[in-house]
Amino acid sequence: MQKKSITITPNELKNGKLPSGYDEVIFKLSDGNWTKNITLPLQPDNNNRVIIRSSAKFTAVLDVKPVDVPPNTLDITTGCEYKFVYSQALEMWVISGDKVNYSTPNNDGPVIPEKPAFFVFYTIADADWVPEIFLPAKADNGSYIIVRSRATYSSKVSTKNMLFASTTHIKKNDEYIFKFLSNFGGWVIDSAPVRTLRADSIDLQIPSPTSQHTQVKFSNGNWIETIKLPAVAGDRDKVSLTSSANYTTTIDSSNVNMPGMMKLHTGEHYDFFYIAENKQWQLMKYPDSIYYAKDIQNGNIMPLIRPRTIIKVDDDNWQPVLKLPLGQQYGSRVIFQSSATYPFQVLYDDKNYSVTQGEIVVFKVDEDTFWQKETITLNLLIVYSDKAADKLGEHVIRNRLIEAFNLTNEALENSGANFRFRLVGLKQIIAKKNWKTLSNVISELRDDPTVQGWRRDLKACGVYYEGTEDGCGMAYVKADSRSMIASGSINCGTTVMRHELGHNMGLQHAGESKSYNQGYGKINTIMGGNGIPYYSTPQRYTPDYGIRMGIHDKIDAVRAMNKFSSTVAGYPK
């Protein structure tokens, strides 16, 4: 039977969905004959082949979820050629091409050469084995090395050129995936074999890891009352705790950085990274306790069972007094979120605080087990132009601004800032004819009688404006009371607000300050690209690889804002 082959282009196909039913599909992209998104045939047969070639100057994106490579998508750039053969046994496509290399110790030795192919598959086996594998010092950004073992004997990957000296023991059938981050000049573990332990096999403390990722599972027939994280681990080793048990386990916090109370209940999950320079585990992912005020008996908040407790208060869900429990675990936090018309009192130790409408107030247990109020409140007036309302609709523009406001407070919570914004007004103003750019707007709003009148009446520390003017965002940096004004445009996204208010609070873009009051461009923090919901701080770590989100005394936006927030709380003056 003659094999069926087809050569096809995006213009002929009308899209990038490659057809099934062919032994071979050759897909060619070129300038004027291009598509952005490509998917492989959805119903392939064994040994079906696809070849993708591009001479187009634009980059296409291939969905590689059904391919034996780490990322979900693969850039198809000019001059590249990739081949894919479908394996029925593996139930996936196997990649080859000029950016792919298959390597073994017998062919290439234990040292993977510098500037390797974008994908390197390095496989060890019984007759093709080395005790240690060495990653190259240099590679293209985003390159992958996939180390697989079919060998009876164990091996390891040298940590010499890794960003972190994680545990890399290799056992039979293991697969480690390493990714090169050129910004940091080293390899990180993108994926590691998960070593799963039964909880009842552990005598209180989890043993030292034998992979970068250790998971402990709890169930009704597999449970212990208390568990402690390993005393020794590789740098950025990860431990996950999951439970389906009806019984509660206490997580010992003695070697965890300021975690708060940690109880593991059924259906819950905790993740930790080991931070070698701190010699402690860092809590990365955890469940929250969420309560409604009306459900708290007699206003007495129960003893805490999770690191963070959120208490929601509104007009139909209100109590006049809420009391924080005594003698709680160091680091535990309680967040009060109120939309209630009437204020309520929070009693803590021998103190009290009145929470008013719109406030988000955070309390935290200190080392002496006393409650401390962690945040101050900064009132914010938001205004939008009539032109923005006409273009989007009144309902849409208001919801958009509320979303942006919530994203800003979310970022402050994520980053450990000592203040939260309270929305005290959301009002429409008439845009002036001479407002061509956002710079024009913020300059004139400083003395606009209508806006400044609202600001005085509402006791707003600052003003945020959104309109249709040219520019994405504009704000005064480390603003005085008169200039505490920031702005954004409806032509840009809802993350602009958190960036521009960062300027008001004293922050510069990444690389634009000689001090620490700046963003971290390498990881795209809010003032360094605005790609993640964090302001730079060395007290937080990225959830993927555990990279610090700042550098002590060099990049620390949160420190700068925290120093300035009490000054802003006194505005307007």
Protein backbone atom coordinates (compact mmCIF):
# COMPACT_ATOMS: atom_id res chain seq x y z
CA MET A 1 0.00 0.00 0.00
CA GLN A 2 1.42 3.38 -1.05
CA LYS A 3 2.08 5.81 1.81
CA LYS A 4 0.19 9.06 1.76
CA SER A 5 2.23 12.27 2.00
CA ILE A 6 1.12 15.88 1.81
CA THR A 7 3.01 19.15 1.61
CA ILE A 8 0.85 22.04 2.74
CA THR A 9 1.04 25.70 3.77
CA PRO A 10 -1.00 27.88 6.13
CA ASN A 11 -2.77 29.61 3.24
CA GLU A 12 -3.85 26.28 1.79
CA LEU A 13 -4.90 24.92 5.17
CA LYS A 14 -6.58 28.21 6.23
CA ASN A 15 -5.21 27.68 9.77
CA GLY A 16 -2.45 25.84 11.64
CA LYS A 17 -4.34 22.65 12.49
CA LEU A 18 -2.39 19.91 10.73
CA PRO A 19 -4.60 17.18 9.24
CA SER A 20 -4.78 13.56 10.35
CA GLY A 21 -4.88 10.60 7.97
CA TYR A 22 -1.45 11.06 6.36
CA ASP A 23 1.74 9.07 6.86
CA GLU A 24 3.71 12.28 6.40
CA VAL A 25 2.73 15.94 6.66
CA ILE A 26 5.22 18.60 5.57
CA PHE A 27 4.15 22.04 6.76
CA LYS A 28 5.96 25.07 5.33
CA LEU A 29 5.75 28.62 6.65
CA SER A 30 7.02 31.72 4.88
CA ASP A 31 6.43 35.46 4.77
CA GLY A 32 2.90 36.08 3.55
CA ASN A 33 2.07 32.42 4.12
CA TRP A 34 2.13 32.12 7.88
CA THR A 35 -0.02 31.29 10.89
CA LYS A 36 0.63 32.04 14.53
CA ASN A 37 -0.65 28.83 16.16
CA ILE A 38 0.10 25.28 15.00
CA THR A 39 -1.27 21.98 16.33
CA LEU A 40 -0.12 18.48 15.39
CA PRO A 41 -2.60 15.94 13.92
CA LEU A 42 -5.13 14.95 16.57
CA GLN A 43 -5.64 11.34 15.40
CA PRO A 44 -2.20 10.02 14.45
CA ASP A 45 -1.25 6.43 13.69
CA ASN A 46 1.98 4.76 14.75
CA ASN A 47 5.04 6.16 12.91
CA ASN A 48 3.13 9.02 11.32
CA ARG A 49 5.60 11.82 10.63
CA VAL A 50 5.31 15.62 10.63
CA ILE A 51 7.98 18.02 9.36
CA ILE A 52 7.65 21.73 10.09
CA ARG A 53 9.90 24.22 8.25
CA SER A 54 9.88 27.99 8.49
CA SER A 55 11.49 30.78 6.51
CA ALA A 56 9.06 33.37 7.91
CA LYS A 57 10.42 36.32 9.84
CA PHE A 58 7.56 36.01 12.32
CA THR A 59 7.61 33.38 15.07
CA ALA A 60 4.86 30.76 15.10
CA VAL A 61 3.88 28.77 18.19
CA LEU A 62 3.46 24.99 18.17
CA ASP A 63 1.35 23.23 20.78
CA VAL A 64 3.70 20.52 22.07
CA LYS A 65 1.63 19.14 24.94
CA PRO A 66 1.41 15.81 23.07
CA VAL A 67 5.21 15.81 22.46
CA ASP A 68 7.95 14.34 24.68
CA VAL A 69 9.42 17.78 25.47
CA PRO A 70 9.04 19.85 28.67
CA PRO A 71 7.24 23.07 27.62
CA ASN A 72 3.63 23.28 26.50
CA THR A 73 4.52 25.39 23.48
CA LEU A 74 7.50 25.61 21.14
CA ASP A 75 8.53 28.65 19.11
CA ILE A 76 8.92 27.99 15.38
CA THR A 77 11.46 30.59 14.30
CA THR A 78 12.92 31.48 10.93
CA GLY A 79 15.31 28.88 9.52
CA CYS A 80 14.29 26.08 11.87
CA GLU A 81 13.11 22.59 11.03
CA TYR A 82 11.52 20.14 13.45
CA LYS A 83 10.48 16.53 12.84
CA PHE A 84 7.93 14.60 14.85
CA VAL A 85 7.25 10.85 14.73
CA TYR A 86 4.24 9.46 16.57
CA SER A 87 4.89 6.55 18.96
CA GLN A 88 1.83 4.49 19.76
CA ALA A 89 3.69 2.82 22.62
CA LEU A 90 4.45 6.18 24.24
CA GLU A 91 1.17 7.74 23.12
CA MET A 92 3.02 10.89 22.11
CA TRP A 93 5.08 12.49 19.38
CA VAL A 94 8.88 12.12 19.50
CA ILE A 95 10.81 15.19 18.39
CA SER A 96 13.97 15.50 16.30
CA GLY A 97 15.59 18.20 14.22
CA ASP A 98 18.49 20.62 14.07
CA LYS A 99 17.73 21.94 17.58
CA VAL A 100 17.40 18.49 19.15
CA ASN A 101 20.19 16.16 20.26
CA TYR A 102 20.00 12.62 21.64
CA SER A 103 23.05 11.80 23.72
CA THR A 104 24.46 8.99 25.88
CA PRO A 105 27.65 8.54 27.95
CA ASN A 106 29.16 6.16 25.37
CA ASN A 107 28.63 8.67 22.58
CA ASP A 108 29.49 11.92 24.36
CA GLY A 109 30.99 11.13 27.78
CA PRO A 110 29.75 12.51 31.12
CA VAL A 111 30.10 16.20 30.18
CA ILE A 112 27.35 17.70 28.04
CA PRO A 113 29.12 20.18 25.73
CA GLU A 114 28.63 23.94 26.01
CA LYS A 115 26.04 25.69 23.85
CA PRO A 116 24.08 22.47 23.38
CA ALA A 117 21.02 22.01 21.20
CA PHE A 118 17.80 23.58 22.49
CA PHE A 119 16.62 20.13 23.57
CA VAL A 120 19.18 17.57 24.77
CA PHE A 121 17.96 14.10 25.71
CA TYR A 122 20.71 12.43 27.75
CA THR A 123 20.00 8.77 28.57
CA ILE A 124 22.01 6.39 30.75
CA ALA A 125 21.67 2.59 30.74
CA ASP A 126 23.47 -0.41 32.24
CA ALA A 127 26.07 -0.69 29.48
CA ASP A 128 26.07 3.03 28.83
CA TRP A 129 26.49 4.64 32.24
CA VAL A 130 28.45 7.23 34.22
CA PRO A 131 28.28 7.91 37.98
CA GLU A 132 27.96 11.67 37.49
CA ILE A 133 26.65 13.89 34.70
CA PHE A 134 27.91 17.44 34.17
CA LEU A 135 25.74 20.22 32.77
CA PRO A 136 27.34 22.83 30.48
CA ALA A 137 28.26 26.28 31.78
CA LYS A 138 26.64 28.03 28.82
CA ALA A 139 23.46 27.50 26.84
CA ASP A 140 20.76 29.50 25.10
CA ASN A 141 18.10 30.92 27.36
CA GLY A 142 15.27 28.47 27.91
CA SER A 143 17.24 25.45 26.67
CA TYR A 144 16.35 22.09 28.16
CA ILE A 145 18.37 19.05 29.15
CA ILE A 146 16.31 15.94 29.84
CA VAL A 147 18.21 13.28 31.79
CA ARG A 148 16.69 9.80 31.77
CA SER A 149 17.87 6.61 33.37
CA ARG A 150 17.32 3.01 32.34
CA ALA A 151 20.31 1.91 34.41
CA THR A 152 20.27 -0.43 37.39
CA TYR A 153 22.96 1.66 39.09
CA SER A 154 22.25 5.07 40.58
CA SER A 155 23.88 8.23 39.30
CA LYS A 156 23.65 11.96 39.94
CA VAL A 157 23.88 15.30 38.18
CA SER A 158 26.67 17.62 39.29
CA THR A 159 25.38 20.87 40.80
CA LYS A 160 28.40 22.82 39.53
CA ASN A 161 26.54 24.82 36.88
CA MET A 162 23.15 24.76 38.56
CA LEU A 163 21.66 27.92 40.02
CA PHE A 164 20.87 25.99 43.20
CA ALA A 165 22.61 22.90 44.58
CA SER A 166 19.46 20.79 44.70
CA THR A 167 19.31 17.05 45.27
CA THR A 168 19.82 15.22 41.95
CA HIS A 169 20.12 11.51 42.75
CA ILE A 170 19.13 9.48 39.69
CA LYS A 171 17.51 6.07 40.03
CA LYS A 172 16.24 3.67 37.40
CA ASN A 173 13.34 5.10 35.35
CA ASP A 174 13.93 8.60 36.72
CA GLU A 175 13.64 11.70 34.55
CA TYR A 176 15.07 15.09 35.49
CA ILE A 177 14.41 18.14 33.33
CA PHE A 178 16.81 21.08 33.58
CA LYS A 179 16.20 24.54 32.12
CA PHE A 180 18.84 27.20 31.50
CA LEU A 181 18.11 30.72 32.73
CA SER A 182 20.54 33.08 31.01
CA ASN A 183 19.56 35.99 33.28
CA PHE A 184 20.99 34.06 36.22
CA GLY A 185 23.68 32.09 34.37
CA GLY A 186 22.64 28.66 35.60
CA TRP A 187 20.40 25.61 35.28
CA VAL A 188 17.29 25.11 37.39
CA ILE A 189 15.26 21.96 37.86
CA ASP A 190 12.10 22.32 35.81
CA SER A 191 10.85 18.87 36.78
CA ALA A 192 12.14 16.09 39.01
CA PRO A 193 10.98 12.59 39.90
CA VAL A 194 8.59 12.73 42.83
CA ARG A 195 9.62 10.47 45.70
CA THR A 196 6.37 9.58 47.44
CA LEU A 197 6.52 8.53 51.09
CA ARG A 198 3.80 7.06 53.26
CA ALA A 199 3.20 9.19 56.33
CA ASP A 200 3.14 6.18 58.66
CA SER A 201 6.65 5.19 57.51
CA ILE A 202 8.04 8.42 59.02
CA ASP A 203 9.14 8.74 62.64
CA LEU A 204 8.17 12.42 63.09
CA GLN A 205 10.87 13.89 60.80
CA ILE A 206 10.93 13.35 57.04
CA PRO A 207 14.27 11.78 55.99
CA SER A 208 16.76 13.65 53.82
CA PRO A 209 15.51 13.90 50.23
CA THR A 210 16.71 11.57 47.46
CA SER A 211 15.21 13.80 44.76
CA GLN A 212 14.52 17.49 44.42
CA HIS A 213 10.83 16.77 45.07
CA THR A 214 9.54 14.71 48.01
CA GLN A 215 5.85 14.12 48.56
CA VAL A 216 4.28 12.75 51.73
CA LYS A 217 0.74 11.41 51.50
CA PHE A 218 -1.66 10.97 54.39
CA SER A 219 -4.79 8.80 54.46
CA ASN A 220 -6.96 7.11 57.10
CA GLY A 221 -4.81 4.00 57.19
CA ASN A 222 -1.60 5.99 56.71
CA TRP A 223 -1.43 8.81 59.22
CA ILE A 224 0.73 10.35 61.93
CA GLU A 225 -0.20 13.10 64.38
CA THR A 226 2.82 15.37 63.85
CA ILE A 227 5.33 15.72 61.03
CA LYS A 228 8.55 17.71 60.74
CA LEU A 229 10.38 18.71 57.58
CA PRO A 230 13.86 17.25 56.88
CA ALA A 231 16.80 18.56 58.91
CA VAL A 232 19.06 18.47 55.83
CA ALA A 233 18.14 19.01 52.18
CA GLY A 234 19.53 20.30 48.92
CA ASP A 235 19.09 23.95 48.06
CA ARG A 236 15.53 24.58 46.75
CA ASP A 237 14.50 21.00 47.37
CA LYS A 238 10.73 20.80 47.55
CA VAL A 239 8.49 18.97 49.99
CA SER A 240 4.75 18.57 49.41
CA LEU A 241 2.26 17.34 52.01
CA THR A 242 -1.19 16.13 50.95
CA SER A 243 -3.97 14.47 52.91
CA SER A 244 -7.13 12.48 52.31
CA ALA A 245 -7.29 11.45 55.98
CA ASN A 246 -10.19 12.24 58.28
CA TYR A 247 -7.65 13.01 61.00
CA THR A 248 -5.67 16.24 61.39
CA THR A 249 -1.88 16.36 61.34
CA THR A 250 0.16 19.17 62.90
CA ILE A 251 3.15 20.38 60.86
CA ASP A 252 6.08 21.18 63.15
CA SER A 253 7.21 24.73 62.36
CA SER A 254 10.55 24.73 64.19
CA ASN A 255 12.61 24.70 60.96
CA VAL A 256 10.19 26.72 58.83
CA ASN A 257 10.52 30.47 58.22
CA MET A 258 7.65 32.32 59.99
CA PRO A 259 4.91 29.98 58.84
CA GLY A 260 2.15 30.50 61.38
CA MET A 261 -0.04 27.64 62.56
CA MET A 262 -0.04 24.71 60.13
CA LYS A 263 -2.63 21.95 60.42
CA LEU A 264 -3.08 19.49 57.57
CA HIS A 265 -6.73 18.49 57.04
CA THR A 266 -8.35 16.23 54.48
CA GLY A 267 -8.12 17.59 50.95
CA GLU A 268 -5.39 20.08 51.83
CA HIS A 269 -1.94 20.63 50.36
CA TYR A 270 1.23 22.39 51.59
CA ASP A 271 4.43 23.08 49.59
CA PHE A 272 7.83 24.08 50.98
CA PHE A 273 11.20 25.02 49.44
CA TYR A 274 14.44 24.55 51.37
CA ILE A 275 16.41 27.83 51.28
CA ALA A 276 20.00 26.84 51.96
CA GLU A 277 21.25 30.35 52.72
CA ASN A 278 18.59 30.62 55.46
CA LYS A 279 18.99 27.03 56.64
CA GLN A 280 15.20 26.91 56.82
CA TRP A 281 12.21 25.74 54.85
CA GLN A 282 10.09 28.40 53.20
CA LEU A 283 6.34 27.94 53.12
CA MET A 284 5.26 28.44 49.49
CA LYS A 285 1.70 27.13 49.16
CA TYR A 286 -0.92 26.61 51.84
CA PRO A 287 -4.69 26.59 52.44
CA ASP A 288 -6.51 29.55 53.97
CA SER A 289 -9.17 29.59 56.65
CA ILE A 290 -12.11 31.76 55.55
CA TYR A 291 -14.81 32.79 58.01
CA TYR A 292 -17.85 35.05 57.85
CA ALA A 293 -18.34 37.35 60.84
CA LYS A 294 -21.89 36.21 61.53
CA ASP A 295 -20.68 32.61 61.98
CA ILE A 296 -18.18 33.48 64.73
CA GLN A 297 -19.87 32.61 68.03
CA ASN A 298 -20.02 35.53 70.44
CA GLY A 299 -17.37 37.27 68.33
CA ASN A 300 -14.64 34.97 69.69
CA ILE A 301 -12.44 33.85 66.80
CA MET A 302 -11.47 30.20 67.22
CA PRO A 303 -7.80 29.17 67.71
CA LEU A 304 -6.06 29.32 64.36
CA ILE A 305 -5.41 26.18 62.32
CA ARG A 306 -3.81 27.62 59.17
CA PRO A 307 -1.09 30.21 58.42
CA ARG A 308 -3.61 32.76 57.14
CA THR A 309 -7.17 33.37 58.25
CA ILE A 310 -9.50 35.68 56.29
CA ILE A 311 -12.59 37.11 57.97
CA LYS A 312 -15.21 38.74 55.73
CA VAL A 313 -17.61 41.35 57.03
CA ASP A 314 -20.55 43.03 55.26
CA ASP A 315 -23.95 44.53 56.14
CA ASP A 316 -25.66 41.12 56.24
CA ASN A 317 -22.68 39.52 57.95
CA TRP A 318 -21.61 41.74 60.83
CA GLN A 319 -20.79 41.75 64.51
CA PRO A 320 -19.89 44.78 66.62
CA VAL A 321 -16.86 43.13 68.22
CA LEU A 322 -14.49 40.40 67.03
CA LYS A 323 -11.81 39.06 69.38
CA LEU A 324 -8.51 37.56 68.25
CA PRO A 325 -7.52 34.38 70.13
CA LEU A 326 -4.65 34.48 72.62
CA GLY A 327 -1.41 32.50 72.57
CA GLN A 328 -1.27 31.72 68.87
CA GLN A 329 1.64 30.41 66.80
CA TYR A 330 4.29 32.97 65.81
CA GLY A 331 3.76 34.20 62.24
CA SER A 332 0.02 33.44 62.11
CA ARG A 333 -1.97 36.15 60.34
CA VAL A 334 -5.62 37.25 60.35
CA ILE A 335 -7.01 39.50 57.61
CA PHE A 336 -10.25 41.44 58.11
CA GLN A 337 -12.03 42.49 54.90
CA SER A 338 -14.97 44.83 55.45
CA SER A 339 -17.60 46.20 53.08
CA ALA A 340 -19.99 46.83 55.98
CA THR A 341 -21.55 50.26 56.41
CA TYR A 342 -20.97 50.20 60.15
CA PRO A 343 -17.54 49.89 61.78
CA PHE A 344 -16.66 47.05 64.14
CA GLN A 345 -14.03 46.62 66.82
CA VAL A 346 -11.16 44.13 66.71
CA LEU A 347 -9.93 43.28 70.21
CA TYR A 348 -6.39 41.92 70.45
CA ASP A 349 -4.49 41.41 73.68
CA ASP A 350 -5.15 44.67 75.59
CA LYS A 351 -5.73 46.77 72.45
CA ASN A 352 -8.53 47.47 70.01
CA TYR A 353 -8.90 48.78 66.48
CA SER A 354 -12.02 50.05 64.70
CA VAL A 355 -12.33 48.62 61.18
CA THR A 356 -14.34 50.86 58.86
CA GLN A 357 -16.03 50.33 55.51
CA GLY A 358 -13.70 49.29 52.70
CA GLU A 359 -10.71 48.51 54.92
CA ILE A 360 -8.43 45.49 54.66
CA VAL A 361 -6.60 45.18 57.98
CA VAL A 362 -3.99 42.55 58.81
CA PHE A 363 -2.89 41.34 62.25
CA LYS A 364 0.10 39.08 62.89
CA VAL A 365 1.44 37.16 65.89
CA ASP A 366 4.94 38.27 66.95
CA GLU A 367 7.72 36.20 68.53
CA ASP A 368 6.29 36.81 72.01
CA THR A 369 2.89 35.49 70.83
CA PHE A 370 1.33 38.97 71.00
CA TRP A 371 -0.82 40.30 68.19
CA GLN A 372 0.51 43.24 66.20
CA LYS A 373 -1.38 45.28 63.63
CA GLU A 374 0.62 44.68 60.45
CA THR A 375 -0.95 47.17 58.05
CA ILE A 376 -2.02 50.79 57.83
CA THR A 377 -4.79 52.02 55.55
CA LEU A 378 -4.27 54.48 52.67
CA ASN A 379 -7.45 56.02 51.28
CA LEU A 380 -7.65 56.19 47.49
CA LEU A 381 -10.03 58.22 45.32
CA ILE A 382 -10.46 56.79 41.81
CA VAL A 383 -11.79 58.98 39.01
CA TYR A 384 -12.46 58.20 35.35
CA SER A 385 -13.25 60.42 32.41
CA ASP A 386 -16.56 60.82 30.64
CA LYS A 387 -14.80 59.79 27.42
CA ALA A 388 -13.69 56.50 28.97
CA ALA A 389 -17.23 55.86 30.19
CA ASP A 390 -18.67 56.68 26.75
CA LYS A 391 -16.22 54.34 25.05
CA LEU A 392 -16.54 51.35 27.39
CA GLY A 393 -19.84 51.95 29.14
CA GLU A 394 -20.31 53.15 32.72
CA HIS A 395 -20.72 49.65 34.14
CA VAL A 396 -17.64 48.29 32.34
CA ILE A 397 -15.28 51.11 33.31
CA ARG A 398 -16.30 50.94 36.96
CA ASN A 399 -15.87 47.16 37.12
CA ARG A 400 -12.55 47.45 35.33
CA LEU A 401 -11.25 49.93 37.89
CA ILE A 402 -12.46 47.82 40.80
CA GLU A 403 -10.62 44.85 39.29
CA ALA A 404 -7.44 46.93 38.99
CA PHE A 405 -7.83 48.10 42.57
CA ASN A 406 -8.24 44.54 43.85
CA LEU A 407 -5.19 43.41 41.85
CA THR A 408 -3.18 46.17 43.52
CA ASN A 409 -4.13 45.08 47.04
CA GLU A 410 -3.55 41.45 46.09
CA ALA A 411 0.00 42.34 45.05
CA LEU A 412 0.59 44.21 48.32
CA GLU A 413 -0.56 41.13 50.26
CA ASN A 414 1.57 38.80 48.15
CA SER A 415 4.65 40.95 48.64
CA GLY A 416 4.45 41.60 52.38
CA ALA A 417 3.72 45.35 52.23
CA ASN A 418 2.69 47.09 55.44
CA PHE A 419 -0.29 48.97 53.94
CA ARG A 420 -3.45 48.39 51.94
CA PHE A 421 -5.47 50.82 49.86
CA ARG A 422 -9.10 51.58 50.70
CA LEU A 423 -11.40 52.75 47.93
CA VAL A 424 -13.22 55.82 49.28
CA GLY A 425 -14.66 57.12 46.02
CA LEU A 426 -15.22 56.09 42.40
CA LYS A 427 -16.34 59.12 40.42
CA GLN A 428 -16.65 60.37 36.84
CA ILE A 429 -15.11 63.65 35.70
CA ILE A 430 -15.27 65.56 32.44
CA ALA A 431 -12.05 65.29 30.45
CA LYS A 432 -10.66 68.68 29.40
CA LYS A 433 -9.96 69.42 25.74
CA ASN A 434 -6.27 70.05 26.37
CA TRP A 435 -5.78 66.62 27.96
CA LYS A 436 -3.84 64.92 25.17
CA THR A 437 -1.50 62.84 27.28
CA LEU A 438 -1.62 61.39 30.78
CA SER A 439 1.14 63.81 31.74
CA ASN A 440 -1.28 66.67 31.02
CA VAL A 441 -3.89 65.02 33.20
CA ILE A 442 -1.85 64.36 36.33
CA SER A 443 -0.32 67.83 36.17
CA GLU A 444 -3.73 69.55 36.11
CA LEU A 445 -5.45 67.20 38.59
CA ARG A 446 -3.12 68.44 41.34
CA ASP A 447 -5.08 71.69 41.42
CA ASP A 448 -8.41 70.66 39.91
CA PRO A 449 -11.05 72.13 42.26
CA THR A 450 -13.58 69.33 41.73
CA VAL A 451 -11.16 66.42 42.25
CA GLN A 452 -9.32 68.12 45.09
CA GLY A 453 -12.65 68.95 46.73
CA TRP A 454 -13.68 65.30 46.60
CA ARG A 455 -10.28 64.36 47.92
CA ARG A 456 -10.58 66.63 50.97
CA ASP A 457 -14.14 65.53 51.72
CA LEU A 458 -13.24 61.83 51.43
CA LYS A 459 -9.87 62.22 53.22
CA ALA A 460 -8.16 60.49 50.30
CA CYS A 461 -4.40 60.13 50.55
CA GLY A 462 -4.12 59.93 46.76
CA VAL A 463 -5.97 59.96 43.44
CA TYR A 464 -5.93 57.49 40.56
CA TYR A 465 -7.30 58.55 37.14
CA GLU A 466 -8.19 56.47 34.08
CA GLY A 467 -9.06 57.91 30.70
CA THR A 468 -8.49 57.73 26.95
CA GLU A 469 -5.42 59.96 26.68
CA ASP A 470 -2.15 58.93 25.04
CA GLY A 471 0.12 56.78 27.17
CA CYS A 472 -0.33 53.61 29.16
CA GLY A 473 0.34 55.01 32.62
CA MET A 474 1.91 58.02 34.31
CA ALA A 475 2.52 58.98 37.93
CA TYR A 476 4.65 61.16 40.17
CA VAL A 477 7.44 59.27 41.93
CA LYS A 478 7.54 59.38 45.74
CA ALA A 479 4.85 61.98 45.57
CA ASP A 480 4.27 64.73 48.06
CA SER A 481 0.73 65.38 49.22
CA ARG A 482 -0.15 67.65 46.29
CA SER A 483 1.28 65.26 43.70
CA MET A 484 -0.06 61.96 45.06
CA ILE A 485 -1.71 61.27 41.70
CA ALA A 486 -1.33 58.35 39.30
CA SER A 487 -3.03 57.55 36.01
CA GLY A 488 -3.72 54.89 33.43
CA SER A 489 -5.42 54.45 30.09
CA ILE A 490 -8.26 52.19 29.00
CA ASN A 491 -5.99 51.24 26.09
CA CYS A 492 -3.89 49.17 28.51
CA GLY A 493 -4.63 46.40 31.01
CA THR A 494 -5.87 46.40 34.57
CA THR A 495 -2.38 45.77 36.00
CA VAL A 496 -1.35 49.36 35.18
CA MET A 497 -2.79 50.68 38.46
CA ARG A 498 -0.52 48.60 40.71
CA HIS A 499 2.50 49.78 38.70
CA GLU A 500 1.62 53.49 38.71
CA LEU A 501 0.69 53.52 42.39
CA GLY A 502 4.08 51.91 42.96
CA HIS A 503 5.64 55.04 41.47
CA ASN A 504 3.56 57.21 43.83
CA MET A 505 4.88 55.11 46.71
CA GLY A 506 8.49 55.86 45.76
CA LEU A 507 9.40 53.16 43.26
CA GLN A 508 11.45 53.33 40.07
CA HIS A 509 11.63 50.94 37.15
CA ALA A 510 14.19 48.14 37.25
CA GLY A 511 17.68 49.52 36.65
CA GLU A 512 16.60 53.17 36.93
CA SER A 513 17.60 53.79 40.54
CA LYS A 514 20.91 53.78 42.38
CA SER A 515 19.08 52.64 45.50
CA TYR A 516 16.91 49.65 46.33
CA ASN A 517 13.57 51.33 45.47
CA GLN A 518 13.18 49.57 42.13
CA GLY A 519 11.74 46.55 40.39
CA TYR A 520 13.51 43.31 39.54
CA GLY A 521 13.61 42.97 35.78
CA LYS A 522 15.08 39.47 35.77
CA ILE A 523 11.88 38.05 37.18
CA ASN A 524 9.42 40.63 35.82
CA THR A 525 8.13 42.09 39.09
CA ILE A 526 5.56 44.89 39.01
CA MET A 527 8.15 47.65 38.55
CA GLY A 528 10.35 45.45 36.36
CA GLY A 529 8.00 44.43 33.56
CA ASN A 530 4.78 43.97 35.54
CA GLY A 531 4.44 40.33 34.61
CA ILE A 532 3.92 38.81 38.06
CA PRO A 533 1.75 40.03 40.99
CA TYR A 534 4.69 40.87 43.26
CA TYR A 535 6.70 43.95 44.10
CA SER A 536 10.40 43.15 44.43
CA THR A 537 11.51 41.89 47.82
CA PRO A 538 14.18 39.45 49.03
CA GLN A 539 11.59 38.07 51.47
CA ARG A 540 9.63 36.28 48.74
CA TYR A 541 10.58 33.51 46.29
CA THR A 542 9.23 32.58 42.88
CA PRO A 543 6.88 29.59 43.09
CA ASP A 544 8.49 27.80 40.13
CA TYR A 545 12.19 27.72 41.02
CA GLY A 546 12.47 29.47 44.38
CA ILE A 547 14.41 32.48 43.06
CA ARG A 548 14.52 35.42 45.44
CA MET A 549 12.29 38.24 44.22
CA GLY A 550 14.79 40.88 45.29
CA ILE A 551 18.34 41.51 46.48
CA HIS A 552 19.14 42.79 49.97
CA ASP A 553 19.99 46.52 49.92
CA LYS A 554 19.91 46.57 46.11
CA ILE A 555 16.44 45.62 44.88
CA ASP A 556 13.69 45.85 47.47
CA ALA A 557 10.59 47.77 46.43
CA VAL A 558 8.62 46.57 49.46
CA ARG A 559 11.17 48.00 51.87
CA ALA A 560 10.99 51.37 50.11
CA MET A 561 7.18 51.47 50.15
CA ASN A 562 6.99 50.33 53.76
CA LYS A 563 9.27 53.19 54.82
CA PHE A 564 7.13 55.74 52.96
CA SER A 565 3.64 54.48 53.77
CA SER A 566 3.29 56.25 57.13
CA THR A 567 4.10 59.56 55.41
CA VAL A 568 1.42 58.96 52.78
CA ALA A 569 -1.09 58.06 55.49
CA GLY A 570 -0.85 61.68 56.61
CA TYR A 571 -1.97 63.05 53.23
CA PRO A 572 -3.65 65.31 52.24
CA LYS A 573 -1.79 68.04 54.07
